Every structure is written in C-alpha cells, then in structure tokens.
Amino acid sequence: MLPCQSACTLFHTGCHKTCPAWRVYQEDQRLEREKKKSYLQYHNHRCRQVTRQLLQMQARRLAW
C-alpha cells in the first residue's frame, strides 16, 4: 500500500509513477537511508577500532 493512497485526493491506480509528490517522498526516503547507512558505518568502524585496541592491551600467555 502506498503511503499517499489514503491521504491524497488525486490518487488513482498507477499515479505514483508520475506524481511529483511521490518523487519528493522517495528522494527524502533515499536521503534518510543514506544518513542511516553512514551513521552505522561510522559507528561500526569506531567499535571495531576500540575492540581491536582492547584486544591488543590484553596480557598474553607465552606459548612454550
């Protein structure tokens, strides 16, 4: 179901393919997904860095 289906007075089947409001909505969604992706990539990188640093600080037992 399209989000505009219940709120748009001009809705008819297939109208989302040419609707400028739908294109703006899709663009906003794309930008939001990009922001979330970059946020997660940044924090994933930071977590890996901290994990790597903590593992390097651990005392290691000598293998005889």
PDB file of N, CA and C in Angstrom:
ATOM      1  N   MET A   1       0.846  -1.180   0.000  1.00  0.00           N
ATOM      2  CA  MET A   1       0.000   0.000   0.000  1.00  0.00           C
ATOM      3  C   MET A   1       0.886   1.235   0.000  1.00  0.00           C
ATOM      4  N   LEU A   2       0.593   2.165  -0.854  1.00  0.00           N
ATOM      5  CA  LEU A   2       1.337   3.408  -0.930  1.00  0.00           C
ATOM      6  C   LEU A   2       0.926   4.321   0.217  1.00  0.00           C
ATOM      7  N   PRO A   3       1.877   5.040   0.815  1.00  0.00           N
ATOM      8  CA  PRO A   3       1.529   5.910   1.943  1.00  0.00           C
ATOM      9  C   PRO A   3       0.593   7.051   1.552  1.00  0.00           C
ATOM     10  N   CYS A   4       0.604   7.436   0.303  1.00  0.00           N
ATOM     11  CA  CYS A   4      -0.257   8.542  -0.123  1.00  0.00           C
ATOM     12  C   CYS A   4      -1.659   8.077  -0.494  1.00  0.00           C
ATOM     13  N   GLN A   5      -1.871   6.793  -0.554  1.00  0.00           N
ATOM     14  CA  GLN A   5      -3.147   6.256  -1.030  1.00  0.00           C
ATOM     15  C   GLN A   5      -4.330   6.734  -0.202  1.00  0.00           C
ATOM     16  N   SER A   6      -4.174   6.804   1.095  1.00  0.00           N
ATOM     17  CA  SER A   6      -5.299   7.197   1.945  1.00  0.00           C
ATOM     18  C   SER A   6      -5.416   8.713   2.115  1.00  0.00           C
ATOM     19  N   ALA A   7      -4.339   9.451   1.897  1.00  0.00           N
ATOM     20  CA  ALA A   7      -4.360  10.884   2.162  1.00  0.00           C
ATOM     21  C   ALA A   7      -4.489  11.744   0.903  1.00  0.00           C
ATOM     22  N   CYS A   8      -4.117  11.224  -0.231  1.00  0.00           N
ATOM     23  CA  CYS A   8      -4.097  12.031  -1.460  1.00  0.00           C
ATOM     24  C   CYS A   8      -5.462  12.025  -2.129  1.00  0.00           C
ATOM     25  N   THR A   9      -5.978  13.200  -2.427  1.00  0.00           N
ATOM     26  CA  THR A   9      -7.279  13.308  -3.092  1.00  0.00           C
ATOM     27  C   THR A   9      -7.179  12.986  -4.576  1.00  0.00           C
ATOM     28  N   LEU A  10      -5.988  13.075  -5.140  1.00  0.00           N
ATOM     29  CA  LEU A  10      -5.795  12.822  -6.563  1.00  0.00           C
ATOM     30  C   LEU A  10      -5.347  11.390  -6.849  1.00  0.00           C
ATOM     31  N   PHE A  11      -5.400  10.516  -5.842  1.00  0.00           N
ATOM     32  CA  PHE A  11      -4.896   9.153  -6.016  1.00  0.00           C
ATOM     33  C   PHE A  11      -5.748   8.353  -7.005  1.00  0.00           C
ATOM     34  N   HIS A  12      -5.055   7.659  -7.887  1.00  0.00           N
ATOM     35  CA  HIS A  12      -5.670   6.638  -8.741  1.00  0.00           C
ATOM     36  C   HIS A  12      -4.587   5.605  -9.026  1.00  0.00           C
ATOM     37  N   THR A  13      -4.981   4.438  -9.453  1.00  0.00           N
ATOM     38  CA  THR A  13      -4.038   3.346  -9.659  1.00  0.00           C
ATOM     39  C   THR A  13      -2.957   3.749 -10.658  1.00  0.00           C
ATOM     40  N   GLY A  14      -1.705   3.599 -10.241  1.00  0.00           N
ATOM     41  CA  GLY A  14      -0.567   3.899 -11.111  1.00  0.00           C
ATOM     42  C   GLY A  14      -0.124   5.346 -11.110  1.00  0.00           C
ATOM     43  N   CYS A  15      -0.778   6.206 -10.349  1.00  0.00           N
ATOM     44  CA  CYS A  15      -0.432   7.635 -10.385  1.00  0.00           C
ATOM     45  C   CYS A  15       0.937   7.914  -9.768  1.00  0.00           C
ATOM     46  N   HIS A  16       1.427   7.020  -8.900  1.00  0.00           N
ATOM     47  CA  HIS A  16       2.701   7.277  -8.225  1.00  0.00           C
ATOM     48  C   HIS A  16       3.877   7.289  -9.195  1.00  0.00           C
ATOM     49  N   LYS A  17       3.684   6.758 -10.382  1.00  0.00           N
ATOM     50  CA  LYS A  17       4.776   6.718 -11.359  1.00  0.00           C
ATOM     51  C   LYS A  17       5.079   8.093 -11.929  1.00  0.00           C
ATOM     52  N   THR A  18       4.102   8.988 -11.937  1.00  0.00           N
ATOM     53  CA  THR A  18       4.305  10.329 -12.491  1.00  0.00           C
ATOM     54  C   THR A  18       4.090  11.431 -11.470  1.00  0.00           C
ATOM     55  N   CYS A  19       3.730  11.083 -10.244  1.00  0.00           N
ATOM     56  CA  CYS A  19       3.389  12.076  -9.222  1.00  0.00           C
ATOM     57  C   CYS A  19       4.642  12.774  -8.685  1.00  0.00           C
ATOM     58  N   PRO A  20       4.701  14.113  -8.752  1.00  0.00           N
ATOM     59  CA  PRO A  20       5.876  14.830  -8.222  1.00  0.00           C
ATOM     60  C   PRO A  20       5.999  14.701  -6.700  1.00  0.00           C
ATOM     61  N   ALA A  21       4.874  14.642  -6.001  1.00  0.00           N
ATOM     62  CA  ALA A  21       4.929  14.489  -4.541  1.00  0.00           C
ATOM     63  C   ALA A  21       5.523  13.128  -4.172  1.00  0.00           C
ATOM     64  N   TRP A  22       5.196  12.102  -4.938  1.00  0.00           N
ATOM     65  CA  TRP A  22       5.742  10.762  -4.692  1.00  0.00           C
ATOM     66  C   TRP A  22       7.242  10.747  -4.939  1.00  0.00           C
ATOM     67  N   ARG A  23       7.700  11.438  -5.970  1.00  0.00           N
ATOM     68  CA  ARG A  23       9.143  11.506  -6.253  1.00  0.00           C
ATOM     69  C   ARG A  23       9.893  12.216  -5.123  1.00  0.00           C
ATOM     70  N   VAL A  24       9.295  13.285  -4.607  1.00  0.00           N
ATOM     71  CA  VAL A  24       9.899  14.007  -3.477  1.00  0.00           C
ATOM     72  C   VAL A  24       9.953  13.094  -2.257  1.00  0.00           C
ATOM     73  N   TYR A  25       8.877  12.360  -2.012  1.00  0.00           N
ATOM     74  CA  TYR A  25       8.831  11.414  -0.889  1.00  0.00           C
ATOM     75  C   TYR A  25       9.919  10.356  -1.044  1.00  0.00           C
ATOM     76  N   GLN A  26      10.055   9.805  -2.236  1.00  0.00           N
ATOM     77  CA  GLN A  26      11.069   8.778  -2.494  1.00  0.00           C
ATOM     78  C   GLN A  26      12.482   9.338  -2.296  1.00  0.00           C
ATOM     79  N   GLU A  27      12.702  10.556  -2.737  1.00  0.00           N
ATOM     80  CA  GLU A  27      14.013  11.189  -2.580  1.00  0.00           C
ATOM     81  C   GLU A  27      14.331  11.410  -1.099  1.00  0.00           C
ATOM     82  N   ASP A  28      13.334  11.854  -0.336  1.00  0.00           N
ATOM     83  CA  ASP A  28      13.519  12.040   1.109  1.00  0.00           C
ATOM     84  C   ASP A  28      13.860  10.710   1.781  1.00  0.00           C
ATOM     85  N   GLN A  29      13.178   9.646   1.375  1.00  0.00           N
ATOM     86  CA  GLN A  29      13.452   8.324   1.929  1.00  0.00           C
ATOM     87  C   GLN A  29      14.866   7.860   1.578  1.00  0.00           C
ATOM     88  N   ARG A  30      15.290   8.127   0.343  1.00  0.00           N
ATOM     89  CA  ARG A  30      16.641   7.740  -0.087  1.00  0.00           C
ATOM     90  C   ARG A  30      17.695   8.477   0.737  1.00  0.00           C
ATOM     91  N   LEU A  31      17.487   9.779   0.947  1.00  0.00           N
ATOM     92  CA  LEU A  31      18.435  10.564   1.745  1.00  0.00           C
ATOM     93  C   LEU A  31      18.480  10.064   3.186  1.00  0.00           C
ATOM     94  N   GLU A  32      17.321   9.730   3.733  1.00  0.00           N
ATOM     95  CA  GLU A  32      17.258   9.212   5.102  1.00  0.00           C
ATOM     96  C   GLU A  32      18.008   7.885   5.215  1.00  0.00           C
ATOM     97  N   ARG A  33      17.845   7.011   4.227  1.00  0.00           N
ATOM     98  CA  ARG A  33      18.570   5.730   4.230  1.00  0.00           C
ATOM     99  C   ARG A  33      20.073   5.948   4.140  1.00  0.00           C
ATOM    100  N   GLU A  34      20.506   6.909   3.325  1.00  0.00           N
ATOM    101  CA  GLU A  34      21.939   7.208   3.208  1.00  0.00           C
ATOM    102  C   GLU A  34      22.504   7.720   4.530  1.00  0.00           C
ATOM    103  N   LYS A  35      21.745   8.583   5.211  1.00  0.00           N
ATOM    104  CA  LYS A  35      22.185   9.103   6.507  1.00  0.00           C
ATOM    105  C   LYS A  35      22.337   7.975   7.524  1.00  0.00           C
ATOM    106  N   LYS A  36      21.350   7.083   7.566  1.00  0.00           N
ATOM    107  CA  LYS A  36      21.402   5.963   8.500  1.00  0.00           C
ATOM    108  C   LYS A  36      22.573   5.046   8.176  1.00  0.00           C
ATOM    109  N   LYS A  37      22.792   4.809   6.901  1.00  0.00           N
ATOM    110  CA  LYS A  37      23.890   3.927   6.477  1.00  0.00           C
ATOM    111  C   LYS A  37      25.238   4.518   6.878  1.00  0.00           C
ATOM    112  N   SER A  38      25.431   5.817   6.645  1.00  0.00           N
ATOM    113  CA  SER A  38      26.705   6.435   7.010  1.00  0.00           C
ATOM    114  C   SER A  38      26.896   6.464   8.526  1.00  0.00           C
ATOM    115  N   TYR A  39      25.815   6.686   9.258  1.00  0.00           N
ATOM    116  CA  TYR A  39      25.873   6.660  10.727  1.00  0.00           C
ATOM    117  C   TYR A  39      26.321   5.283  11.207  1.00  0.00           C
ATOM    118  N   LEU A  40      25.684   4.237  10.678  1.00  0.00           N
ATOM    119  CA  LEU A  40      26.036   2.879  11.093  1.00  0.00           C
ATOM    120  C   LEU A  40      27.445   2.499  10.675  1.00  0.00           C
ATOM    121  N   GLN A  41      27.876   2.911   9.500  1.00  0.00           N
ATOM    122  CA  GLN A  41      29.235   2.615   9.057  1.00  0.00           C
ATOM    123  C   GLN A  41      30.261   3.294   9.966  1.00  0.00           C
ATOM    124  N   TYR A  42      30.006   4.549  10.323  1.00  0.00           N
ATOM    125  CA  TYR A  42      30.925   5.278  11.197  1.00  0.00           C
ATOM    126  C   TYR A  42      31.043   4.579  12.553  1.00  0.00           C
ATOM    127  N   HIS A  43      29.915   4.253  13.155  1.00  0.00           N
ATOM    128  CA  HIS A  43      29.953   3.654  14.487  1.00  0.00           C
ATOM    129  C   HIS A  43      30.450   2.211  14.451  1.00  0.00           C
ATOM    130  N   ASN A  44      30.211   1.516  13.381  1.00  0.00           N
ATOM    131  CA  ASN A  44      30.762   0.177  13.224  1.00  0.00           C
ATOM    132  C   ASN A  44      32.288   0.247  13.165  1.00  0.00           C
ATOM    133  N   HIS A  45      32.802   1.211  12.442  1.00  0.00           N
ATOM    134  CA  HIS A  45      34.251   1.411  12.354  1.00  0.00           C
ATOM    135  C   HIS A  45      34.833   1.740  13.737  1.00  0.00           C
ATOM    136  N   ARG A  46      34.167   2.634  14.468  1.00  0.00           N
ATOM    137  CA  ARG A  46      34.646   3.006  15.803  1.00  0.00           C
ATOM    138  C   ARG A  46      34.644   1.806  16.747  1.00  0.00           C
ATOM    139  N   CYS A  47      33.604   0.998  16.707  1.00  0.00           N
ATOM    140  CA  CYS A  47      33.531  -0.185  17.573  1.00  0.00           C
ATOM    141  C   CYS A  47      34.633  -1.174  17.239  1.00  0.00           C
ATOM    142  N   ARG A  48      34.888  -1.373  15.958  1.00  0.00           N
ATOM    143  CA  ARG A  48      35.970  -2.279  15.571  1.00  0.00           C
ATOM    144  C   ARG A  48      37.318  -1.763  16.070  1.00  0.00           C
ATOM    145  N   GLN A  49      37.516  -0.438  15.975  1.00  0.00           N
ATOM    146  CA  GLN A  49      38.767   0.155  16.453  1.00  0.00           C
ATOM    147  C   GLN A  49      38.947  -0.091  17.948  1.00  0.00           C
ATOM    148  N   VAL A  50      37.930   0.188  18.730  1.00  0.00           N
ATOM    149  CA  VAL A  50      38.013   0.026  20.181  1.00  0.00           C
ATOM    150  C   VAL A  50      38.230  -1.439  20.532  1.00  0.00           C
ATOM    151  N   THR A  51      37.514  -2.323  19.877  1.00  0.00           N
ATOM    152  CA  THR A  51      37.677  -3.755  20.130  1.00  0.00           C
ATOM    153  C   THR A  51      39.102  -4.194  19.825  1.00  0.00           C
ATOM    154  N   ARG A  52      39.624  -3.759  18.702  1.00  0.00           N
ATOM    155  CA  ARG A  52      40.996  -4.098  18.319  1.00  0.00           C
ATOM    156  C   ARG A  52      41.994  -3.559  19.351  1.00  0.00           C
ATOM    157  N   GLN A  53      41.782  -2.331  19.808  1.00  0.00           N
ATOM    158  CA  GLN A  53      42.684  -1.740  20.796  1.00  0.00           C
ATOM    159  C   GLN A  53      42.622  -2.495  22.120  1.00  0.00           C
ATOM    160  N   LEU A  54      41.431  -2.858  22.546  1.00  0.00           N
ATOM    161  CA  LEU A  54      41.301  -3.595  23.804  1.00  0.00           C
ATOM    162  C   LEU A  54      41.941  -4.977  23.711  1.00  0.00           C
ATOM    163  N   LEU A  55      41.783  -5.616  22.577  1.00  0.00           N
ATOM    164  CA  LEU A  55      42.419  -6.927  22.400  1.00  0.00           C
ATOM    165  C   LEU A  55      43.942  -6.811  22.423  1.00  0.00           C
ATOM    166  N   GLN A  56      44.463  -5.739  21.896  1.00  0.00           N
ATOM    167  CA  GLN A  56      45.913  -5.533  21.899  1.00  0.00           C
ATOM    168  C   GLN A  56      46.444  -5.255  23.308  1.00  0.00           C
ATOM    169  N   MET A  57      45.608  -4.706  24.179  1.00  0.00           N
ATOM    170  CA  MET A  57      46.045  -4.386  25.535  1.00  0.00           C
ATOM    171  C   MET A  57      46.011  -5.597  26.458  1.00  0.00           C
ATOM    172  N   GLN A  58      45.351  -6.660  26.077  1.00  0.00           N
ATOM    173  CA  GLN A  58      45.258  -7.838  26.929  1.00  0.00           C
ATOM    174  C   GLN A  58      46.620  -8.497  27.101  1.00  0.00           C
ATOM    175  N   ALA A  59      46.825  -8.999  28.314  1.00  0.00           N
ATOM    176  CA  ALA A  59      48.054  -9.736  28.590  1.00  0.00           C
ATOM    177  C   ALA A  59      47.941 -11.094  27.910  1.00  0.00           C
ATOM    178  N   ARG A  60      49.016 -11.482  27.265  1.00  0.00           N
ATOM    179  CA  ARG A  60      49.002 -12.763  26.567  1.00  0.00           C
ATOM    180  C   ARG A  60      49.927 -13.751  27.284  1.00  0.00           C
ATOM    181  N   ARG A  61      49.497 -14.986  27.310  1.00  0.00           N
ATOM    182  CA  ARG A  61      50.288 -16.031  27.918  1.00  0.00           C
ATOM    183  C   ARG A  61      51.302 -16.526  26.895  1.00  0.00           C
ATOM    184  N   LEU A  62      52.539 -16.698  27.312  1.00  0.00           N
ATOM    185  CA  LEU A  62      53.563 -17.189  26.414  1.00  0.00           C
ATOM    186  C   LEU A  62      53.325 -18.652  26.096  1.00  0.00           C
ATOM    187  N   ALA A  63      53.440 -18.994  24.850  1.00  0.00           N
ATOM    188  CA  ALA A  63      53.290 -20.393  24.445  1.00  0.00           C
ATOM    189  C   ALA A  63      54.663 -21.048  24.505  1.00  0.00           C
ATOM    190  N   TRP A  64      54.799 -22.102  25.278  1.00  0.00           N
ATOM    191  CA  TRP A  64      56.101 -22.767  25.419  1.00  0.00           C
ATOM    192  C   TRP A  64      56.242 -23.861  24.482  1.00  0.00           C
TER     193      TRP A  64
END
